[in-house]
PDB file of N, CA and C in Angstrom:
ATOM      1  N   MET A   1     -21.738 -24.624 -15.112  1.00  0.00           N
ATOM      2  CA  MET A   1     -22.089 -25.535 -14.333  1.00  0.00           C
ATOM      3  C   MET A   1     -20.873 -26.474 -14.562  1.00  0.00           C
ATOM      4  N   LYS A   2     -20.486 -26.931 -13.325  1.00  0.00           N
ATOM      5  CA  LYS A   2     -19.031 -27.644 -13.184  1.00  0.00           C
ATOM      6  C   LYS A   2     -19.706 -29.246 -13.793  1.00  0.00           C
ATOM      7  N   ASN A   3     -18.591 -29.907 -14.567  1.00  0.00           N
ATOM      8  CA  ASN A   3     -18.662 -31.119 -15.311  1.00  0.00           C
ATOM      9  C   ASN A   3     -18.717 -32.133 -14.024  1.00  0.00           C
ATOM     10  N   LYS A   4     -19.512 -33.088 -14.007  1.00  0.00           N
ATOM     11  CA  LYS A   4     -19.382 -34.341 -13.109  1.00  0.00           C
ATOM     12  C   LYS A   4     -18.571 -35.549 -13.880  1.00  0.00           C
ATOM     13  N   VAL A   5     -18.056 -36.330 -12.756  1.00  0.00           N
ATOM     14  CA  VAL A   5     -17.201 -37.380 -13.340  1.00  0.00           C
ATOM     15  C   VAL A   5     -17.689 -38.591 -12.321  1.00  0.00           C
ATOM     16  N   GLN A   6     -17.349 -39.673 -12.744  1.00  0.00           N
ATOM     17  CA  GLN A   6     -17.836 -40.647 -11.811  1.00  0.00           C
ATOM     18  C   GLN A   6     -16.367 -41.313 -11.352  1.00  0.00           C
ATOM     19  N   CYS A   7     -16.202 -41.564 -10.270  1.00  0.00           N
ATOM     20  CA  CYS A   7     -15.276 -42.105  -9.463  1.00  0.00           C
ATOM     21  C   CYS A   7     -14.843 -43.335  -9.842  1.00  0.00           C
ATOM     22  N   SER A   8     -13.872 -44.169 -10.345  1.00  0.00           N
ATOM     23  CA  SER A   8     -13.380 -44.952 -11.140  1.00  0.00           C
ATOM     24  C   SER A   8     -13.285 -46.031  -9.751  1.00  0.00           C
ATOM     25  N   SER A   9     -13.052 -45.757  -8.546  1.00  0.00           N
ATOM     26  CA  SER A   9     -13.079 -46.437  -7.330  1.00  0.00           C
ATOM     27  C   SER A   9     -14.323 -46.826  -6.730  1.00  0.00           C
ATOM     28  N   CYS A  10     -15.061 -45.851  -6.316  1.00  0.00           N
ATOM     29  CA  CYS A  10     -16.313 -46.031  -5.502  1.00  0.00           C
ATOM     30  C   CYS A  10     -17.740 -45.953  -6.477  1.00  0.00           C
ATOM     31  N   GLY A  11     -17.504 -45.288  -7.665  1.00  0.00           N
ATOM     32  CA  GLY A  11     -18.760 -44.906  -8.650  1.00  0.00           C
ATOM     33  C   GLY A  11     -19.255 -43.631  -8.160  1.00  0.00           C
ATOM     34  N   ALA A  12     -19.178 -43.029  -7.414  1.00  0.00           N
ATOM     35  CA  ALA A  12     -19.743 -41.566  -6.659  1.00  0.00           C
ATOM     36  C   ALA A  12     -19.411 -40.671  -7.671  1.00  0.00           C
ATOM     37  N   MET A  13     -20.342 -39.685  -8.043  1.00  0.00           N
ATOM     38  CA  MET A  13     -20.144 -38.505  -8.988  1.00  0.00           C
ATOM     39  C   MET A  13     -19.723 -37.605  -8.264  1.00  0.00           C
ATOM     40  N   PHE A  14     -18.831 -36.739  -8.614  1.00  0.00           N
ATOM     41  CA  PHE A  14     -18.213 -35.502  -8.294  1.00  0.00           C
ATOM     42  C   PHE A  14     -17.810 -34.521  -9.216  1.00  0.00           C
ATOM     43  N   ASP A  15     -17.243 -33.408  -8.831  1.00  0.00           N
ATOM     44  CA  ASP A  15     -16.732 -32.388  -9.892  1.00  0.00           C
ATOM     45  C   ASP A  15     -15.680 -32.553 -10.159  1.00  0.00           C
ATOM     46  N   ASP A  16     -15.604 -32.308 -11.717  1.00  0.00           N
ATOM     47  CA  ASP A  16     -14.305 -32.677 -12.521  1.00  0.00           C
ATOM     48  C   ASP A  16     -13.053 -32.047 -11.780  1.00  0.00           C
ATOM     49  N   GLU A  17     -13.338 -30.686 -11.172  1.00  0.00           N
ATOM     50  CA  GLU A  17     -12.294 -30.179 -10.780  1.00  0.00           C
ATOM     51  C   GLU A  17     -11.567 -30.490  -9.403  1.00  0.00           C
ATOM     52  N   LEU A  18     -12.315 -31.356  -8.753  1.00  0.00           N
ATOM     53  CA  LEU A  18     -11.560 -31.767  -7.338  1.00  0.00           C
ATOM     54  C   LEU A  18     -10.359 -32.753  -7.924  1.00  0.00           C
ATOM     55  N   GLU A  19      -9.174 -32.657  -6.879  1.00  0.00           N
ATOM     56  CA  GLU A  19      -8.219 -33.651  -7.455  1.00  0.00           C
ATOM     57  C   GLU A  19      -8.694 -35.107  -6.650  1.00  0.00           C
ATOM     58  N   THR A  20      -9.387 -35.051  -5.566  1.00  0.00           N
ATOM     59  CA  THR A  20      -9.588 -36.855  -5.175  1.00  0.00           C
ATOM     60  C   THR A  20     -10.912 -36.898  -5.124  1.00  0.00           C
ATOM     61  N   CYS A  21     -11.573 -38.014  -4.961  1.00  0.00           N
ATOM     62  CA  CYS A  21     -12.653 -38.189  -4.947  1.00  0.00           C
ATOM     63  C   CYS A  21     -13.178 -37.828  -3.320  1.00  0.00           C
ATOM     64  N   PRO A  22     -14.282 -37.224  -3.011  1.00  0.00           N
ATOM     65  CA  PRO A  22     -14.556 -36.744  -1.672  1.00  0.00           C
ATOM     66  C   PRO A  22     -15.059 -37.972  -0.982  1.00  0.00           C
ATOM     67  N   TYR A  23     -15.349 -38.823  -1.609  1.00  0.00           N
ATOM     68  CA  TYR A  23     -16.114 -40.256  -0.700  1.00  0.00           C
ATOM     69  C   TYR A  23     -15.252 -41.046  -0.377  1.00  0.00           C
ATOM     70  N   CYS A  24     -14.466 -41.719  -1.111  1.00  0.00           N
ATOM     71  CA  CYS A  24     -13.364 -42.712  -1.013  1.00  0.00           C
ATOM     72  C   CYS A  24     -12.014 -42.307  -0.813  1.00  0.00           C
ATOM     73  N   GLY A  25     -11.503 -40.921  -1.418  1.00  0.00           N
ATOM     74  CA  GLY A  25     -10.097 -40.452  -1.598  1.00  0.00           C
ATOM     75  C   GLY A  25      -9.416 -40.764  -2.912  1.00  0.00           C
ATOM     76  N   ALA A  26      -9.908 -41.249  -3.868  1.00  0.00           N
ATOM     77  CA  ALA A  26      -9.107 -41.847  -4.954  1.00  0.00           C
ATOM     78  C   ALA A  26      -8.978 -40.755  -5.827  1.00  0.00           C
ATOM     79  N   ILE A  27      -7.515 -40.836  -6.154  1.00  0.00           N
ATOM     80  CA  ILE A  27      -7.220 -39.544  -7.013  1.00  0.00           C
ATOM     81  C   ILE A  27      -7.762 -39.644  -8.321  1.00  0.00           C
ATOM     82  N   HIS A  28      -7.819 -38.511  -8.911  1.00  0.00           N
ATOM     83  CA  HIS A  28      -8.673 -38.315 -10.160  1.00  0.00           C
ATOM     84  C   HIS A  28      -7.613 -37.329 -10.917  1.00  0.00           C
ATOM     85  N   LEU A  29      -7.307 -37.983 -11.937  1.00  0.00           N
ATOM     86  CA  LEU A  29      -5.976 -37.642 -12.725  1.00  0.00           C
ATOM     87  C   LEU A  29      -6.053 -36.024 -13.305  1.00  0.00           C
ATOM     88  N   ARG A  30      -7.303 -35.994 -13.973  1.00  0.00           N
ATOM     89  CA  ARG A  30      -7.898 -34.616 -14.626  1.00  0.00           C
ATOM     90  C   ARG A  30      -7.561 -33.518 -13.510  1.00  0.00           C
ATOM     91  N   GLY A  31      -8.470 -33.539 -12.214  1.00  0.00           N
ATOM     92  CA  GLY A  31      -8.260 -32.692 -11.253  1.00  0.00           C
ATOM     93  C   GLY A  31      -7.071 -32.423 -10.592  1.00  0.00           C
ATOM     94  N   ALA A  32      -6.234 -33.729 -10.691  1.00  0.00           N
ATOM     95  CA  ALA A  32      -5.101 -33.429  -9.725  1.00  0.00           C
ATOM     96  C   ALA A  32      -3.903 -32.825 -11.018  1.00  0.00           C
ATOM     97  N   GLU A  33      -4.173 -32.830 -11.999  1.00  0.00           N
ATOM     98  CA  GLU A  33      -3.308 -32.334 -13.370  1.00  0.00           C
ATOM     99  C   GLU A  33      -3.457 -30.767 -13.216  1.00  0.00           C
ATOM    100  N   LYS A  34      -4.703 -30.492 -13.100  1.00  0.00           N
ATOM    101  CA  LYS A  34      -5.266 -28.855 -13.131  1.00  0.00           C
ATOM    102  C   LYS A  34      -4.567 -28.304 -11.607  1.00  0.00           C
ATOM    103  N   ALA A  35      -4.820 -28.900 -10.710  1.00  0.00           N
ATOM    104  CA  ALA A  35      -4.125 -28.364  -9.229  1.00  0.00           C
ATOM    105  C   ALA A  35      -2.629 -28.398  -9.506  1.00  0.00           C
ATOM    106  N   TYR A  36      -1.992 -29.555 -10.035  1.00  0.00           N
ATOM    107  CA  TYR A  36      -0.602 -29.532 -10.011  1.00  0.00           C
ATOM    108  C   TYR A  36      -0.284 -28.302 -10.972  1.00  0.00           C
ATOM    109  N   MET A  37      -0.791 -27.985 -11.960  1.00  0.00           N
ATOM    110  CA  MET A  37      -0.205 -26.920 -12.774  1.00  0.00           C
ATOM    111  C   MET A  37      -0.604 -25.572 -12.243  1.00  0.00           C
ATOM    112  N   ARG A  38      -1.672 -25.155 -11.288  1.00  0.00           N
ATOM    113  CA  ARG A  38      -1.834 -24.158 -10.940  1.00  0.00           C
ATOM    114  C   ARG A  38      -0.742 -23.999  -9.906  1.00  0.00           C
ATOM    115  N   ASP A  39      -0.529 -24.830  -9.085  1.00  0.00           N
ATOM    116  CA  ASP A  39       0.709 -24.686  -7.854  1.00  0.00           C
ATOM    117  C   ASP A  39       1.911 -24.467  -8.728  1.00  0.00           C
ATOM    118  N   LEU A  40       2.052 -25.127  -9.625  1.00  0.00           N
ATOM    119  CA  LEU A  40       3.160 -24.761  -9.935  1.00  0.00           C
ATOM    120  C   LEU A  40       3.375 -23.254 -10.850  1.00  0.00           C
ATOM    121  N   GLY A  41       2.426 -22.914 -11.195  1.00  0.00           N
ATOM    122  CA  GLY A  41       2.297 -21.356 -11.609  1.00  0.00           C
ATOM    123  C   GLY A  41       2.413 -20.432 -10.415  1.00  0.00           C
ATOM    124  N   ARG A  42       1.606 -20.899  -9.358  1.00  0.00           N
ATOM    125  CA  ARG A  42       2.153 -20.146  -8.051  1.00  0.00           C
ATOM    126  C   ARG A  42       3.619 -20.171  -7.536  1.00  0.00           C
ATOM    127  N   ILE A  43       4.242 -21.226  -7.677  1.00  0.00           N
ATOM    128  CA  ILE A  43       5.438 -21.500  -7.267  1.00  0.00           C
ATOM    129  C   ILE A  43       6.366 -20.464  -8.189  1.00  0.00           C
ATOM    130  N   ARG A  44       5.986 -20.451  -9.319  1.00  0.00           N
ATOM    131  CA  ARG A  44       6.800 -19.864 -10.780  1.00  0.00           C
ATOM    132  C   ARG A  44       6.803 -18.254 -10.304  1.00  0.00           C
ATOM    133  N   ASP A  45       5.511 -17.808  -9.842  1.00  0.00           N
ATOM    134  CA  ASP A  45       5.273 -16.455  -9.922  1.00  0.00           C
ATOM    135  C   ASP A  45       5.828 -16.009  -8.644  1.00  0.00           C
ATOM    136  N   ASN A  46       6.146 -16.932  -7.293  1.00  0.00           N
ATOM    137  CA  ASN A  46       6.633 -16.669  -6.492  1.00  0.00           C
ATOM    138  C   ASN A  46       8.227 -16.648  -6.425  1.00  0.00           C
ATOM    139  N   LEU A  47       8.820 -17.348  -7.269  1.00  0.00           N
ATOM    140  CA  LEU A  47      10.306 -17.358  -7.273  1.00  0.00           C
ATOM    141  C   LEU A  47      10.651 -16.235  -8.371  1.00  0.00           C
ATOM    142  N   GLU A  48       9.821 -15.535  -9.207  1.00  0.00           N
ATOM    143  CA  GLU A  48       9.861 -14.457  -9.689  1.00  0.00           C
ATOM    144  C   GLU A  48      10.119 -13.214  -8.692  1.00  0.00           C
ATOM    145  N   ASP A  49       9.146 -13.329  -7.812  1.00  0.00           N
ATOM    146  CA  ASP A  49       8.977 -12.441  -6.927  1.00  0.00           C
ATOM    147  C   ASP A  49      10.060 -12.286  -6.034  1.00  0.00           C
ATOM    148  N   LEU A  50      10.496 -13.366  -5.719  1.00  0.00           N
ATOM    149  CA  LEU A  50      11.699 -13.636  -4.613  1.00  0.00           C
ATOM    150  C   LEU A  50      12.669 -13.364  -5.325  1.00  0.00           C
ATOM    151  N   GLN A  51      13.210 -13.106  -6.614  1.00  0.00           N
ATOM    152  CA  GLN A  51      14.086 -12.734  -7.506  1.00  0.00           C
ATOM    153  C   GLN A  51      14.165 -11.064  -7.288  1.00  0.00           C
ATOM    154  N   ASN A  52      12.957 -10.683  -7.242  1.00  0.00           N
ATOM    155  CA  ASN A  52      12.986  -9.216  -7.388  1.00  0.00           C
ATOM    156  C   ASN A  52      13.345  -8.788  -6.151  1.00  0.00           C
ATOM    157  N   VAL A  53      12.890  -9.277  -5.021  1.00  0.00           N
ATOM    158  CA  VAL A  53      13.108  -9.050  -3.537  1.00  0.00           C
ATOM    159  C   VAL A  53      14.441  -9.349  -3.393  1.00  0.00           C
ATOM    160  N   LYS A  54      15.382 -10.162  -3.786  1.00  0.00           N
ATOM    161  CA  LYS A  54      16.637 -10.313  -3.516  1.00  0.00           C
ATOM    162  C   LYS A  54      17.499  -9.082  -4.229  1.00  0.00           C
ATOM    163  N   HIS A  55      17.073  -8.734  -5.514  1.00  0.00           N
ATOM    164  CA  HIS A  55      17.667  -7.699  -6.345  1.00  0.00           C
ATOM    165  C   HIS A  55      17.539  -6.245  -5.265  1.00  0.00           C
ATOM    166  N   LYS A  56      16.039  -6.228  -4.748  1.00  0.00           N
ATOM    167  CA  LYS A  56      15.677  -5.045  -3.888  1.00  0.00           C
ATOM    168  C   LYS A  56      16.916  -4.852  -2.676  1.00  0.00           C
ATOM    169  N   ASP A  57      17.110  -6.101  -2.133  1.00  0.00           N
ATOM    170  CA  ASP A  57      17.775  -6.258  -1.053  1.00  0.00           C
ATOM    171  C   ASP A  57      19.064  -6.119  -1.184  1.00  0.00           C
ATOM    172  N   SER A  58      19.701  -6.241  -2.121  1.00  0.00           N
ATOM    173  CA  SER A  58      20.997  -6.344  -2.559  1.00  0.00           C
ATOM    174  C   SER A  58      21.549  -4.595  -2.864  1.00  0.00           C
ATOM    175  N   CYS A  59      20.489  -4.188  -3.426  1.00  0.00           N
ATOM    176  CA  CYS A  59      20.735  -2.789  -3.566  1.00  0.00           C
ATOM    177  C   CYS A  59      20.667  -1.981  -2.576  1.00  0.00           C
ATOM    178  N   ARG A  60      19.855  -2.099  -1.305  1.00  0.00           N
ATOM    179  CA  ARG A  60      19.421  -1.848  -0.101  1.00  0.00           C
ATOM    180  C   ARG A  60      20.844  -1.856   0.820  1.00  0.00           C
ATOM    181  N   GLU A  61      21.585  -3.076   0.351  1.00  0.00           N
ATOM    182  CA  GLU A  61      22.452  -3.515   1.505  1.00  0.00           C
ATOM    183  C   GLU A  61      23.703  -2.631   0.757  1.00  0.00           C
ATOM    184  N   GLY A  62      23.822  -2.664  -0.770  1.00  0.00           N
ATOM    185  CA  GLY A  62      24.794  -1.935  -1.057  1.00  0.00           C
ATOM    186  C   GLY A  62      24.824  -0.359  -0.944  1.00  0.00           C
ATOM    187  N   VAL A  63      23.776   0.276  -0.650  1.00  0.00           N
ATOM    188  CA  VAL A  63      23.587   1.526  -0.391  1.00  0.00           C
ATOM    189  C   VAL A  63      23.955   1.754   0.984  1.00  0.00           C
ATOM    190  N   PHE A  64      23.808   0.651   2.099  1.00  0.00           N
ATOM    191  CA  PHE A  64      23.729   0.890   3.326  1.00  0.00           C
ATOM    192  C   PHE A  64      25.276   0.632   3.497  1.00  0.00           C
ATOM    193  N   VAL A  65      26.314   0.050   2.811  1.00  0.00           N
ATOM    194  CA  VAL A  65      27.670  -0.072   2.961  1.00  0.00           C
ATOM    195  C   VAL A  65      28.255   1.052   2.353  1.00  0.00           C
ATOM    196  N   ALA A  66      27.723   1.565   1.505  1.00  0.00           N
ATOM    197  CA  ALA A  66      28.150   2.933   1.017  1.00  0.00           C
ATOM    198  C   ALA A  66      28.309   4.014   2.031  1.00  0.00           C
ATOM    199  N   LYS A  67      27.208   4.091   2.496  1.00  0.00           N
ATOM    200  CA  LYS A  67      26.936   5.109   3.550  1.00  0.00           C
ATOM    201  C   LYS A  67      27.676   4.895   4.566  1.00  0.00           C
ATOM    202  N   LEU A  68      27.973   3.633   5.208  1.00  0.00           N
ATOM    203  CA  LEU A  68      28.926   3.150   6.225  1.00  0.00           C
ATOM    204  C   LEU A  68      30.307   3.630   5.994  1.00  0.00           C
ATOM    205  N   ILE A  69      30.617   3.380   4.587  1.00  0.00           N
ATOM    206  CA  ILE A  69      32.273   3.592   4.436  1.00  0.00           C
ATOM    207  C   ILE A  69      32.476   5.278   4.360  1.00  0.00           C
ATOM    208  N   ILE A  70      31.548   5.961   3.479  1.00  0.00           N
ATOM    209  CA  ILE A  70      31.538   7.348   3.728  1.00  0.00           C
ATOM    210  C   ILE A  70      31.397   7.851   5.373  1.00  0.00           C
ATOM    211  N   GLY A  71      30.595   7.457   5.975  1.00  0.00           N
ATOM    212  CA  GLY A  71      30.486   8.091   7.611  1.00  0.00           C
ATOM    213  C   GLY A  71      32.047   7.725   7.861  1.00  0.00           C
ATOM    214  N   THR A  72      32.528   6.227   7.906  1.00  0.00           N
ATOM    215  CA  THR A  72      33.738   6.251   8.610  1.00  0.00           C
ATOM    216  C   THR A  72      34.913   7.269   8.056  1.00  0.00           C
ATOM    217  N   ILE A  73      34.974   7.351   6.559  1.00  0.00           N
ATOM    218  CA  ILE A  73      35.993   8.039   5.850  1.00  0.00           C
ATOM    219  C   ILE A  73      35.873   9.730   6.798  1.00  0.00           C
ATOM    220  N   LEU A  74      34.706  10.091   6.796  1.00  0.00           N
ATOM    221  CA  LEU A  74      34.350  11.667   7.351  1.00  0.00           C
ATOM    222  C   LEU A  74      34.809  11.565   8.577  1.00  0.00           C
ATOM    223  N   THR A  75      34.261  10.688   9.655  1.00  0.00           N
ATOM    224  CA  THR A  75      34.921  10.417  10.742  1.00  0.00           C
ATOM    225  C   THR A  75      36.382  10.519  11.075  1.00  0.00           C
ATOM    226  N   LEU A  76      37.111   9.766  10.157  1.00  0.00           N
ATOM    227  CA  LEU A  76      38.599   9.818  10.510  1.00  0.00           C
ATOM    228  C   LEU A  76      38.950  11.035   9.713  1.00  0.00           C
ATOM    229  N   LEU A  77      38.455  11.842   8.669  1.00  0.00           N
ATOM    230  CA  LEU A  77      38.824  13.151   8.534  1.00  0.00           C
ATOM    231  C   LEU A  77      39.059  14.378   9.579  1.00  0.00           C
ATOM    232  N   ALA A  78      37.801  14.061  10.054  1.00  0.00           N
ATOM    233  CA  ALA A  78      37.345  15.063  11.254  1.00  0.00           C
ATOM    234  C   ALA A  78      38.207  14.625  12.468  1.00  0.00           C
ATOM    235  N   LEU A  79      38.598  13.774  12.887  1.00  0.00           N
ATOM    236  CA  LEU A  79      39.330  13.468  13.789  1.00  0.00           C
ATOM    237  C   LEU A  79      40.815  13.817  13.226  1.00  0.00           C
ATOM    238  N   THR A  80      41.416  13.487  12.078  1.00  0.00           N
ATOM    239  CA  THR A  80      42.340  14.085  11.859  1.00  0.00           C
ATOM    240  C   THR A  80      42.844  15.346  11.711  1.00  0.00           C
ATOM    241  N   LEU A  81      41.698  16.050  11.109  1.00  0.00           N
ATOM    242  CA  LEU A  81      41.771  17.766  11.320  1.00  0.00           C
ATOM    243  C   LEU A  81      41.915  18.073  12.743  1.00  0.00           C
ATOM    244  N   ALA A  82      40.738  17.411  13.869  1.00  0.00           N
ATOM    245  CA  ALA A  82      40.819  17.808  14.971  1.00  0.00           C
ATOM    246  C   ALA A  82      42.271  17.635  15.803  1.00  0.00           C
ATOM    247  N   VAL A  83      43.127  16.826  15.432  1.00  0.00           N
ATOM    248  CA  VAL A  83      44.514  16.372  16.050  1.00  0.00           C
ATOM    249  C   VAL A  83      45.416  17.663  15.370  1.00  0.00           C
ATOM    250  N   TYR A  84      45.020  17.922  14.279  1.00  0.00           N
ATOM    251  CA  TYR A  84      46.282  18.699  13.563  1.00  0.00           C
ATOM    252  C   TYR A  84      45.845  20.151  14.184  1.00  0.00           C
ATOM    253  N   LEU A  85      44.667  20.579  14.118  1.00  0.00           N
ATOM    254  CA  LEU A  85      44.273  21.747  14.902  1.00  0.00           C
ATOM    255  C   LEU A  85      44.770  21.980  16.162  1.00  0.00           C
ATOM    256  N   TYR A  86      44.619  20.888  17.102  1.00  0.00           N
ATOM    257  CA  TYR A  86      45.136  20.632  18.543  1.00  0.00           C
ATOM    258  C   TYR A  86      46.340  21.100  18.313  1.00  0.00           C
ATOM    259  N   SER A  87      47.138  20.177  17.629  1.00  0.00           N
ATOM    260  CA  SER A  87      48.920  20.468  17.733  1.00  0.00           C
ATOM    261  C   SER A  87      49.149  21.764  17.164  1.00  0.00           C
ATOM    262  N   ALA A  88      48.438  22.488  16.435  1.00  0.00           N
ATOM    263  CA  ALA A  88      49.202  23.594  16.003  1.00  0.00           C
ATOM    264  C   ALA A  88      48.815  24.666  16.723  1.00  0.00           C
ATOM    265  N   VAL A  89      47.575  24.641  17.816  1.00  0.00           N
ATOM    266  CA  VAL A  89      47.169  25.642  18.616  1.00  0.00           C
ATOM    267  C   VAL A  89      48.393  25.482  19.791  1.00  0.00           C
ATOM    268  N   ASP A  90      48.611  24.004  20.063  1.00  0.00           N
ATOM    269  CA  ASP A  90      49.742  23.836  20.897  1.00  0.00           C
ATOM    270  C   ASP A  90      51.090  23.931  20.879  1.00  0.00           C
ATOM    271  N   GLU A  91      51.558  23.686  19.667  1.00  0.00           N
ATOM    272  CA  GLU A  91      53.007  24.369  19.019  1.00  0.00           C
ATOM    273  C   GLU A  91      53.030  26.125  19.538  1.00  0.00           C
ATOM    274  N   ARG A  92      51.644  26.787  18.791  1.00  0.00           N
ATOM    275  CA  ARG A  92      51.718  28.090  18.790  1.00  0.00           C
ATOM    276  C   ARG A  92      52.162  28.528  20.466  1.00  0.00           C
ATOM    277  N   ALA A  93      51.260  27.919  21.570  1.00  0.00           N
ATOM    278  CA  ALA A  93      51.494  28.012  22.679  1.00  0.00           C
ATOM    279  C   ALA A  93      52.825  27.972  23.141  1.00  0.00           C
ATOM    280  N   GLN A  94      53.553  26.644  22.737  1.00  0.00           N
ATOM    281  CA  GLN A  94      54.773  26.400  23.253  1.00  0.00           C
ATOM    282  C   GLN A  94      55.793  27.696  22.570  1.00  0.00           C
ATOM    283  N   VAL A  95      55.541  28.006  21.307  1.00  0.00           N
ATOM    284  CA  VAL A  95      56.417  29.057  20.875  1.00  0.00           C
ATOM    285  C   VAL A  95      56.254  30.387  21.661  1.00  0.00           C
ATOM    286  N   GLN A  96      54.916  30.566  21.857  1.00  0.00           N
ATOM    287  CA  GLN A  96      54.533  32.045  22.692  1.00  0.00           C
ATOM    288  C   GLN A  96      55.333  31.764  24.115  1.00  0.00           C
ATOM    289  N   GLN A  97      55.242  30.708  24.891  1.00  0.00           N
ATOM    290  CA  GLN A  97      56.312  30.905  25.897  1.00  0.00           C
ATOM    291  C   GLN A  97      57.724  30.523  25.762  1.00  0.00           C
ATOM    292  N   LEU A  98      58.097  29.890  24.495  1.00  0.00           N
ATOM    293  CA  LEU A  98      59.775  30.377  24.472  1.00  0.00           C
ATOM    294  C   LEU A  98      60.141  31.889  24.308  1.00  0.00           C
ATOM    295  N   LYS A  99      59.225  32.509  23.412  1.00  0.00           N
ATOM    296  CA  LYS A  99      59.515  33.652  23.228  1.00  0.00           C
ATOM    297  C   LYS A  99      59.229  34.551  24.601  1.00  0.00           C
ATOM    298  N   GLU A 100      58.642  34.327  25.445  1.00  0.00           N
ATOM    299  CA  GLU A 100      58.163  35.383  26.741  1.00  0.00           C
ATOM    300  C   GLU A 100      59.633  34.719  27.618  1.00  0.00           C
ATOM    301  N   ALA A 101      59.886  33.389  27.526  1.00  0.00           N
ATOM    302  CA  ALA A 101      61.143  33.267  28.471  1.00  0.00           C
ATOM    303  C   ALA A 101      62.576  33.839  27.701  1.00  0.00           C
ATOM    304  N   ILE A 102      62.371  33.766  26.459  1.00  0.00           N
ATOM    305  CA  ILE A 102      63.993  34.476  26.032  1.00  0.00           C
ATOM    306  C   ILE A 102      63.574  36.209  26.605  1.00  0.00           C
ATOM    307  N   ILE A 103      62.632  36.985  26.400  1.00  0.00           N
ATOM    308  CA  ILE A 103      62.313  37.901  26.921  1.00  0.00           C
ATOM    309  C   ILE A 103      62.675  38.365  28.162  1.00  0.00           C
ATOM    310  N   ASN A 104      62.322  37.324  28.829  1.00  0.00           N
ATOM    311  CA  ASN A 104      62.666  37.687  30.166  1.00  0.00           C
ATOM    312  C   ASN A 104      63.886  37.329  30.730  1.00  0.00           C
ATOM    313  N   GLU A 105      64.788  36.411  30.122  1.00  0.00           N
ATOM    314  CA  GLU A 105      65.932  36.327  30.193  1.00  0.00           C
ATOM    315  C   GLU A 105      66.851  37.472  29.908  1.00  0.00           C
ATOM    316  N   GLU A 106      66.037  38.375  29.011  1.00  0.00           N
ATOM    317  CA  GLU A 106      67.486  39.420  28.551  1.00  0.00           C
ATOM    318  C   GLU A 106      66.891  40.616  29.640  1.00  0.00           C
TER     319      GLU A 106
END
């Protein structure tokens, strides 16, 4: 059973757990202190959860950036290889044409 207290302002009886008198709205210090401490504990818990979330988000962001950098490097390597192979094939074709031109001149 909850303890009852008498309001210092209007004299009404109400639960000790309440922050204010339900009849006149006067502040009940013991109930207000309990509510304050309860809310403070919730805020502390939320801050701890927020720090964990920030850590997880920063890890995810780091992984994303690493994947982006690796993808960019692989793309550049693939483009460089494609240009090299194209130029090698083109050079071979030019050499072949020169050989044919020299043979035809003789």
